[in-house]
Amino acid sequence: MNDKRLESGYWALRIAFGVVPIVAGLDKFTNLLAHWAGYLSPLARQLLPVRPEIFMRAAGIVEILVGLAVLTRYTRVAAYVACAWLVCIALNLIATGHFLDIAARDCVMAVGAFALGRLAEVRDEAVAREARTAAMRPAKA
């Protein structure tokens, strides 16, 4: 892609939404950054068929997979999954009646993930267009 302004924004978001979910996902197994089960709403705790700690480990696996997908050729789809995931996390946090500041942050992160998805769409189209144009050029002798 030729526009370096779009490219730098795309890569900044791609790296952030790739690395941070992987780190947060891994931490669901160690609780070094936070005690993650403490962020579950009472409603979520009642509905879960497993202990909160087990659920958070499963959530960690999902986060790791989404982060890895963002860093691969599945950036666009993974960004939209991250967006939806972050909205769900924010809704859970709002349901606790606490952590509203973190819920607001997660909503902003969801908007960033959505922006990454849109940038990935534009970038993918531009790269495909450049490849088609290059394929139609006559070979140099």
N, C-alpha and C. Protein backbone atom coordinates (compact mmCIF):
# COMPACT_ATOMS: atom_id res chain seq x y z
N MET A 1 0.85 -1.17 0.00
CA MET A 1 0.00 0.00 0.00
C MET A 1 0.89 1.23 0.00
N ASN A 2 0.53 2.23 -0.76
CA ASN A 2 1.40 3.39 -0.95
C ASN A 2 1.24 4.47 0.11
N ASP A 3 0.10 4.59 0.75
CA ASP A 3 -0.12 5.68 1.71
C ASP A 3 0.46 5.32 3.07
N LYS A 4 1.59 5.91 3.40
CA LYS A 4 2.29 5.59 4.65
C LYS A 4 1.50 6.03 5.88
N ARG A 5 0.66 7.05 5.76
CA ARG A 5 -0.14 7.50 6.90
C ARG A 5 -1.13 6.42 7.31
N LEU A 6 -1.82 5.84 6.33
CA LEU A 6 -2.75 4.76 6.64
C LEU A 6 -2.01 3.50 7.10
N GLU A 7 -0.90 3.25 6.46
CA GLU A 7 -0.12 2.04 6.78
C GLU A 7 0.40 2.09 8.22
N SER A 8 0.89 3.25 8.67
CA SER A 8 1.41 3.34 10.04
C SER A 8 0.30 3.19 11.07
N GLY A 9 -0.87 3.78 10.80
CA GLY A 9 -2.00 3.60 11.71
C GLY A 9 -2.47 2.16 11.76
N TYR A 10 -2.51 1.52 10.61
CA TYR A 10 -2.90 0.12 10.52
C TYR A 10 -1.96 -0.75 11.36
N TRP A 11 -0.65 -0.56 11.18
CA TRP A 11 0.31 -1.40 11.89
C TRP A 11 0.32 -1.12 13.39
N ALA A 12 0.13 0.13 13.79
CA ALA A 12 0.07 0.44 15.22
C ALA A 12 -1.10 -0.29 15.88
N LEU A 13 -2.27 -0.21 15.25
CA LEU A 13 -3.43 -0.90 15.79
C LEU A 13 -3.27 -2.42 15.72
N ARG A 14 -2.71 -2.90 14.64
CA ARG A 14 -2.55 -4.35 14.47
C ARG A 14 -1.64 -4.93 15.54
N ILE A 15 -0.54 -4.27 15.80
CA ILE A 15 0.39 -4.76 16.83
C ILE A 15 -0.25 -4.67 18.20
N ALA A 16 -0.92 -3.55 18.50
CA ALA A 16 -1.56 -3.39 19.82
C ALA A 16 -2.65 -4.44 20.04
N PHE A 17 -3.53 -4.63 19.03
CA PHE A 17 -4.63 -5.59 19.18
C PHE A 17 -4.18 -7.03 18.96
N GLY A 18 -2.93 -7.23 18.58
CA GLY A 18 -2.36 -8.56 18.52
C GLY A 18 -1.67 -8.92 19.82
N VAL A 19 -0.81 -8.04 20.29
CA VAL A 19 0.03 -8.34 21.46
C VAL A 19 -0.76 -8.26 22.78
N VAL A 20 -1.54 -7.21 22.96
CA VAL A 20 -2.24 -7.02 24.24
C VAL A 20 -3.19 -8.17 24.57
N PRO A 21 -4.03 -8.64 23.64
CA PRO A 21 -4.87 -9.78 23.98
C PRO A 21 -4.08 -11.05 24.31
N ILE A 22 -2.96 -11.23 23.66
CA ILE A 22 -2.12 -12.40 23.97
C ILE A 22 -1.61 -12.30 25.40
N VAL A 23 -1.10 -11.13 25.77
CA VAL A 23 -0.59 -10.94 27.13
C VAL A 23 -1.71 -11.09 28.16
N ALA A 24 -2.84 -10.45 27.91
CA ALA A 24 -3.98 -10.56 28.84
C ALA A 24 -4.48 -12.00 28.91
N GLY A 25 -4.51 -12.67 27.77
CA GLY A 25 -4.95 -14.07 27.76
C GLY A 25 -4.04 -14.97 28.56
N LEU A 26 -2.74 -14.78 28.38
CA LEU A 26 -1.78 -15.58 29.16
C LEU A 26 -1.91 -15.29 30.65
N ASP A 27 -2.20 -14.03 30.99
CA ASP A 27 -2.32 -13.67 32.39
C ASP A 27 -3.54 -14.28 33.06
N LYS A 28 -4.51 -14.72 32.28
CA LYS A 28 -5.68 -15.39 32.87
C LYS A 28 -5.27 -16.69 33.58
N PHE A 29 -4.07 -17.18 33.27
CA PHE A 29 -3.56 -18.41 33.90
C PHE A 29 -2.68 -18.11 35.11
N THR A 30 -2.19 -16.88 35.23
CA THR A 30 -1.27 -16.55 36.32
C THR A 30 -1.81 -15.49 37.28
N ASN A 31 -2.72 -14.65 36.80
CA ASN A 31 -3.28 -13.55 37.59
C ASN A 31 -2.20 -12.61 38.14
N LEU A 32 -1.15 -12.39 37.37
CA LEU A 32 -0.11 -11.45 37.79
C LEU A 32 -0.56 -10.00 37.61
N LEU A 33 -1.28 -9.71 36.55
CA LEU A 33 -1.72 -8.34 36.27
C LEU A 33 -2.99 -7.99 37.04
N ALA A 34 -3.87 -8.95 37.24
CA ALA A 34 -5.14 -8.71 37.92
C ALA A 34 -5.72 -10.04 38.37
N HIS A 35 -6.62 -9.97 39.33
CA HIS A 35 -7.40 -11.15 39.70
C HIS A 35 -8.64 -11.12 38.82
N TRP A 36 -8.56 -11.78 37.67
CA TRP A 36 -9.55 -11.65 36.61
C TRP A 36 -10.95 -12.10 37.01
N ALA A 37 -11.06 -13.13 37.82
CA ALA A 37 -12.39 -13.62 38.20
C ALA A 37 -13.15 -12.57 39.00
N GLY A 38 -12.43 -11.65 39.62
CA GLY A 38 -13.08 -10.57 40.37
C GLY A 38 -13.84 -9.59 39.49
N TYR A 39 -13.61 -9.63 38.20
CA TYR A 39 -14.30 -8.74 37.28
C TYR A 39 -15.61 -9.31 36.74
N LEU A 40 -15.91 -10.54 37.10
CA LEU A 40 -17.17 -11.15 36.63
C LEU A 40 -18.35 -10.60 37.43
N SER A 41 -19.41 -10.26 36.72
CA SER A 41 -20.61 -9.76 37.38
C SER A 41 -21.29 -10.89 38.14
N PRO A 42 -22.10 -10.55 39.14
CA PRO A 42 -22.87 -11.59 39.85
C PRO A 42 -23.77 -12.38 38.90
N LEU A 43 -24.33 -11.71 37.91
CA LEU A 43 -25.18 -12.41 36.93
C LEU A 43 -24.36 -13.45 36.16
N ALA A 44 -23.18 -13.06 35.70
CA ALA A 44 -22.32 -14.00 34.97
C ALA A 44 -21.95 -15.17 35.86
N ARG A 45 -21.63 -14.91 37.11
CA ARG A 45 -21.27 -15.99 38.04
C ARG A 45 -22.41 -16.98 38.21
N GLN A 46 -23.64 -16.47 38.26
CA GLN A 46 -24.81 -17.35 38.41
C GLN A 46 -25.05 -18.20 37.17
N LEU A 47 -24.78 -17.64 35.99
CA LEU A 47 -25.07 -18.34 34.74
C LEU A 47 -23.98 -19.32 34.33
N LEU A 48 -22.79 -19.15 34.86
CA LEU A 48 -21.68 -20.00 34.43
C LEU A 48 -21.84 -21.43 34.93
N PRO A 49 -21.60 -22.41 34.05
CA PRO A 49 -21.66 -23.81 34.47
C PRO A 49 -20.35 -24.29 35.12
N VAL A 50 -19.35 -23.40 35.18
CA VAL A 50 -18.05 -23.75 35.76
C VAL A 50 -17.63 -22.66 36.74
N ARG A 51 -16.58 -22.94 37.50
CA ARG A 51 -16.04 -21.95 38.43
C ARG A 51 -15.53 -20.74 37.65
N PRO A 52 -15.60 -19.54 38.23
CA PRO A 52 -15.13 -18.33 37.54
C PRO A 52 -13.68 -18.44 37.04
N GLU A 53 -12.82 -19.09 37.81
CA GLU A 53 -11.42 -19.22 37.40
C GLU A 53 -11.28 -20.06 36.13
N ILE A 54 -12.08 -21.10 36.02
CA ILE A 54 -12.06 -21.94 34.82
C ILE A 54 -12.58 -21.14 33.62
N PHE A 55 -13.65 -20.41 33.83
CA PHE A 55 -14.19 -19.58 32.76
C PHE A 55 -13.15 -18.56 32.28
N MET A 56 -12.45 -17.94 33.23
CA MET A 56 -11.47 -16.93 32.84
C MET A 56 -10.31 -17.55 32.07
N ARG A 57 -9.94 -18.77 32.38
CA ARG A 57 -8.90 -19.45 31.59
C ARG A 57 -9.40 -19.71 30.17
N ALA A 58 -10.66 -20.10 30.04
CA ALA A 58 -11.22 -20.29 28.69
C ALA A 58 -11.25 -18.95 27.95
N ALA A 59 -11.61 -17.89 28.65
CA ALA A 59 -11.59 -16.55 28.05
C ALA A 59 -10.17 -16.20 27.62
N GLY A 60 -9.19 -16.59 28.43
CA GLY A 60 -7.79 -16.34 28.08
C GLY A 60 -7.38 -17.03 26.80
N ILE A 61 -7.85 -18.24 26.62
CA ILE A 61 -7.55 -18.98 25.37
C ILE A 61 -8.15 -18.24 24.18
N VAL A 62 -9.39 -17.78 24.32
CA VAL A 62 -10.03 -17.02 23.24
C VAL A 62 -9.22 -15.76 22.94
N GLU A 63 -8.80 -15.05 23.97
CA GLU A 63 -8.02 -13.82 23.77
C GLU A 63 -6.70 -14.11 23.06
N ILE A 64 -6.04 -15.16 23.44
CA ILE A 64 -4.78 -15.53 22.79
C ILE A 64 -5.03 -15.83 21.31
N LEU A 65 -6.07 -16.58 21.01
CA LEU A 65 -6.39 -16.92 19.62
C LEU A 65 -6.75 -15.69 18.80
N VAL A 66 -7.51 -14.78 19.39
CA VAL A 66 -7.88 -13.55 18.68
C VAL A 66 -6.62 -12.71 18.43
N GLY A 67 -5.76 -12.59 19.44
CA GLY A 67 -4.52 -11.83 19.26
C GLY A 67 -3.65 -12.42 18.16
N LEU A 68 -3.52 -13.74 18.15
CA LEU A 68 -2.73 -14.38 17.09
C LEU A 68 -3.36 -14.17 15.73
N ALA A 69 -4.69 -14.25 15.66
CA ALA A 69 -5.38 -14.05 14.38
C ALA A 69 -5.19 -12.62 13.87
N VAL A 70 -5.18 -11.65 14.77
CA VAL A 70 -4.93 -10.26 14.36
C VAL A 70 -3.56 -10.14 13.72
N LEU A 71 -2.60 -10.89 14.21
CA LEU A 71 -1.23 -10.80 13.70
C LEU A 71 -1.01 -11.62 12.44
N THR A 72 -2.02 -12.37 12.00
CA THR A 72 -1.90 -13.18 10.78
C THR A 72 -2.71 -12.53 9.66
N ARG A 73 -2.98 -13.30 8.63
CA ARG A 73 -3.74 -12.77 7.50
C ARG A 73 -5.23 -12.60 7.81
N TYR A 74 -5.65 -12.94 9.01
CA TYR A 74 -7.05 -12.83 9.40
C TYR A 74 -7.33 -11.56 10.20
N THR A 75 -6.52 -10.54 10.00
CA THR A 75 -6.62 -9.31 10.78
C THR A 75 -8.03 -8.72 10.75
N ARG A 76 -8.62 -8.61 9.58
CA ARG A 76 -9.93 -7.96 9.45
C ARG A 76 -10.98 -8.67 10.30
N VAL A 77 -11.12 -9.96 10.12
CA VAL A 77 -12.14 -10.71 10.86
C VAL A 77 -11.83 -10.70 12.35
N ALA A 78 -10.58 -10.91 12.70
CA ALA A 78 -10.19 -10.94 14.12
C ALA A 78 -10.42 -9.60 14.79
N ALA A 79 -10.23 -8.50 14.06
CA ALA A 79 -10.48 -7.18 14.63
C ALA A 79 -11.95 -7.01 14.99
N TYR A 80 -12.83 -7.50 14.12
CA TYR A 80 -14.27 -7.41 14.43
C TYR A 80 -14.65 -8.33 15.59
N VAL A 81 -14.00 -9.48 15.69
CA VAL A 81 -14.24 -10.38 16.83
C VAL A 81 -13.77 -9.69 18.12
N ALA A 82 -12.59 -9.05 18.06
CA ALA A 82 -12.08 -8.33 19.23
C ALA A 82 -13.03 -7.21 19.63
N CYS A 83 -13.59 -6.52 18.65
CA CYS A 83 -14.55 -5.46 18.92
C CYS A 83 -15.76 -6.01 19.69
N ALA A 84 -16.34 -7.07 19.20
CA ALA A 84 -17.50 -7.68 19.85
C ALA A 84 -17.14 -8.20 21.25
N TRP A 85 -15.96 -8.81 21.36
CA TRP A 85 -15.49 -9.34 22.64
C TRP A 85 -15.38 -8.22 23.67
N LEU A 86 -14.80 -7.10 23.26
CA LEU A 86 -14.62 -5.96 24.16
C LEU A 86 -15.95 -5.35 24.58
N VAL A 87 -16.91 -5.31 23.69
CA VAL A 87 -18.24 -4.82 24.05
C VAL A 87 -18.87 -5.75 25.09
N CYS A 88 -18.72 -7.05 24.92
CA CYS A 88 -19.25 -8.02 25.90
C CYS A 88 -18.58 -7.84 27.25
N ILE A 89 -17.28 -7.63 27.24
CA ILE A 89 -16.56 -7.40 28.51
C ILE A 89 -17.09 -6.13 29.18
N ALA A 90 -17.28 -5.07 28.40
CA ALA A 90 -17.79 -3.81 28.96
C ALA A 90 -19.19 -4.01 29.55
N LEU A 91 -20.04 -4.75 28.86
CA LEU A 91 -21.39 -5.00 29.38
C LEU A 91 -21.33 -5.79 30.69
N ASN A 92 -20.44 -6.78 30.76
CA ASN A 92 -20.26 -7.53 32.00
C ASN A 92 -19.81 -6.59 33.12
N LEU A 93 -18.87 -5.72 32.82
CA LEU A 93 -18.36 -4.80 33.85
C LEU A 93 -19.45 -3.83 34.31
N ILE A 94 -20.27 -3.36 33.39
CA ILE A 94 -21.37 -2.47 33.75
C ILE A 94 -22.34 -3.21 34.67
N ALA A 95 -22.56 -4.50 34.38
CA ALA A 95 -23.48 -5.31 35.20
C ALA A 95 -22.97 -5.50 36.62
N THR A 96 -21.67 -5.34 36.85
CA THR A 96 -21.15 -5.46 38.22
C THR A 96 -21.57 -4.28 39.08
N GLY A 97 -21.84 -3.13 38.42
CA GLY A 97 -22.12 -1.90 39.17
C GLY A 97 -20.84 -1.23 39.61
N HIS A 98 -19.72 -1.83 39.30
CA HIS A 98 -18.39 -1.30 39.62
C HIS A 98 -17.59 -1.29 38.32
N PHE A 99 -16.36 -0.89 38.40
CA PHE A 99 -15.44 -0.97 37.25
C PHE A 99 -15.96 -0.20 36.03
N LEU A 100 -16.74 0.85 36.25
CA LEU A 100 -17.30 1.59 35.12
C LEU A 100 -16.21 2.30 34.33
N ASP A 101 -15.13 2.68 35.00
CA ASP A 101 -14.00 3.29 34.29
C ASP A 101 -13.35 2.29 33.33
N ILE A 102 -13.25 1.04 33.76
CA ILE A 102 -12.68 0.01 32.90
C ILE A 102 -13.64 -0.32 31.77
N ALA A 103 -14.95 -0.30 32.06
CA ALA A 103 -15.95 -0.53 31.01
C ALA A 103 -15.84 0.55 29.94
N ALA A 104 -15.66 1.80 30.36
CA ALA A 104 -15.50 2.90 29.40
C ALA A 104 -14.25 2.69 28.56
N ARG A 105 -13.16 2.27 29.19
CA ARG A 105 -11.91 2.01 28.46
C ARG A 105 -12.11 0.89 27.45
N ASP A 106 -12.81 -0.16 27.85
CA ASP A 106 -13.04 -1.28 26.93
C ASP A 106 -13.93 -0.87 25.76
N CYS A 107 -14.87 0.05 25.99
CA CYS A 107 -15.68 0.57 24.87
C CYS A 107 -14.81 1.33 23.89
N VAL A 108 -13.89 2.13 24.41
CA VAL A 108 -12.97 2.87 23.52
C VAL A 108 -12.08 1.88 22.76
N MET A 109 -11.62 0.83 23.45
CA MET A 109 -10.81 -0.18 22.77
C MET A 109 -11.63 -0.90 21.70
N ALA A 110 -12.91 -1.11 21.95
CA ALA A 110 -13.78 -1.74 20.94
C ALA A 110 -13.86 -0.86 19.70
N VAL A 111 -13.94 0.44 19.89
CA VAL A 111 -13.94 1.36 18.75
C VAL A 111 -12.62 1.26 17.99
N GLY A 112 -11.51 1.15 18.73
CA GLY A 112 -10.21 0.98 18.08
C GLY A 112 -10.13 -0.32 17.29
N ALA A 113 -10.68 -1.38 17.83
CA ALA A 113 -10.68 -2.67 17.12
C ALA A 113 -11.54 -2.57 15.87
N PHE A 114 -12.68 -1.87 15.97
CA PHE A 114 -13.52 -1.66 14.79
C PHE A 114 -12.75 -0.87 13.73
N ALA A 115 -12.04 0.17 14.17
CA ALA A 115 -11.24 0.98 13.24
C ALA A 115 -10.18 0.11 12.56
N LEU A 116 -9.55 -0.79 13.30
CA LEU A 116 -8.58 -1.70 12.70
C LEU A 116 -9.24 -2.57 11.64
N GLY A 117 -10.42 -3.08 11.92
CA GLY A 117 -11.14 -3.89 10.95
C GLY A 117 -11.42 -3.11 9.67
N ARG A 118 -11.85 -1.87 9.81
CA ARG A 118 -12.13 -1.03 8.64
C ARG A 118 -10.84 -0.73 7.87
N LEU A 119 -9.77 -0.40 8.59
CA LEU A 119 -8.48 -0.15 7.93
C LEU A 119 -7.99 -1.40 7.20
N ALA A 120 -8.19 -2.55 7.81
CA ALA A 120 -7.76 -3.80 7.17
C ALA A 120 -8.54 -4.03 5.88
N GLU A 121 -9.83 -3.70 5.87
CA GLU A 121 -10.63 -3.83 4.65
C GLU A 121 -10.05 -2.96 3.54
N VAL A 122 -9.79 -1.70 3.86
CA VAL A 122 -9.26 -0.76 2.87
C VAL A 122 -7.88 -1.23 2.40
N ARG A 123 -7.05 -1.64 3.34
CA ARG A 123 -5.70 -2.08 3.01
C ARG A 123 -5.74 -3.34 2.13
N ASP A 124 -6.58 -4.31 2.49
CA ASP A 124 -6.69 -5.54 1.69
C ASP A 124 -7.13 -5.23 0.26
N GLU A 125 -8.09 -4.32 0.12
CA GLU A 125 -8.55 -3.94 -1.22
C GLU A 125 -7.44 -3.26 -2.01
N ALA A 126 -6.68 -2.37 -1.35
CA ALA A 126 -5.59 -1.66 -2.03
C ALA A 126 -4.49 -2.62 -2.45
N VAL A 127 -4.15 -3.55 -1.58
CA VAL A 127 -3.11 -4.53 -1.91
C VAL A 127 -3.56 -5.41 -3.08
N ALA A 128 -4.82 -5.84 -3.08
CA ALA A 128 -5.34 -6.66 -4.18
C ALA A 128 -5.36 -5.86 -5.48
N ARG A 129 -5.75 -4.59 -5.41
CA ARG A 129 -5.77 -3.75 -6.59
C ARG A 129 -4.36 -3.56 -7.16
N GLU A 130 -3.38 -3.33 -6.27
CA GLU A 130 -1.99 -3.18 -6.71
C GLU A 130 -1.48 -4.47 -7.35
N ALA A 131 -1.86 -5.62 -6.81
CA ALA A 131 -1.43 -6.91 -7.37
C ALA A 131 -2.04 -7.11 -8.76
N ARG A 132 -3.32 -6.74 -8.93
CA ARG A 132 -3.95 -6.87 -10.25
C ARG A 132 -3.29 -5.95 -11.26
N THR A 133 -2.98 -4.74 -10.84
CA THR A 133 -2.33 -3.77 -11.73
C THR A 133 -0.95 -4.27 -12.14
N ALA A 134 -0.20 -4.80 -11.18
CA ALA A 134 1.14 -5.31 -11.47
C ALA A 134 1.07 -6.51 -12.41
N ALA A 135 0.05 -7.33 -12.27
CA ALA A 135 -0.09 -8.52 -13.13
C ALA A 135 -0.44 -8.14 -14.57
N MET A 136 -1.06 -7.00 -14.74
CA MET A 136 -1.46 -6.59 -16.09
C MET A 136 -0.36 -5.84 -16.83
N ARG A 137 0.67 -5.42 -16.12
CA ARG A 137 1.79 -4.72 -16.78
C ARG A 137 2.58 -5.70 -17.63
N PRO A 138 2.99 -5.26 -18.80
CA PRO A 138 3.83 -6.15 -19.62
C PRO A 138 5.19 -6.35 -18.98
N ALA A 139 5.73 -7.52 -19.15
CA ALA A 139 7.05 -7.85 -18.58
C ALA A 139 8.11 -7.03 -19.29
N LYS A 140 9.08 -6.56 -18.52
CA LYS A 140 10.20 -5.79 -19.11
C LYS A 140 11.18 -6.76 -19.74
N ALA A 141 11.69 -6.35 -20.89
CA ALA A 141 12.64 -7.21 -21.61
C ALA A 141 14.04 -7.00 -21.14
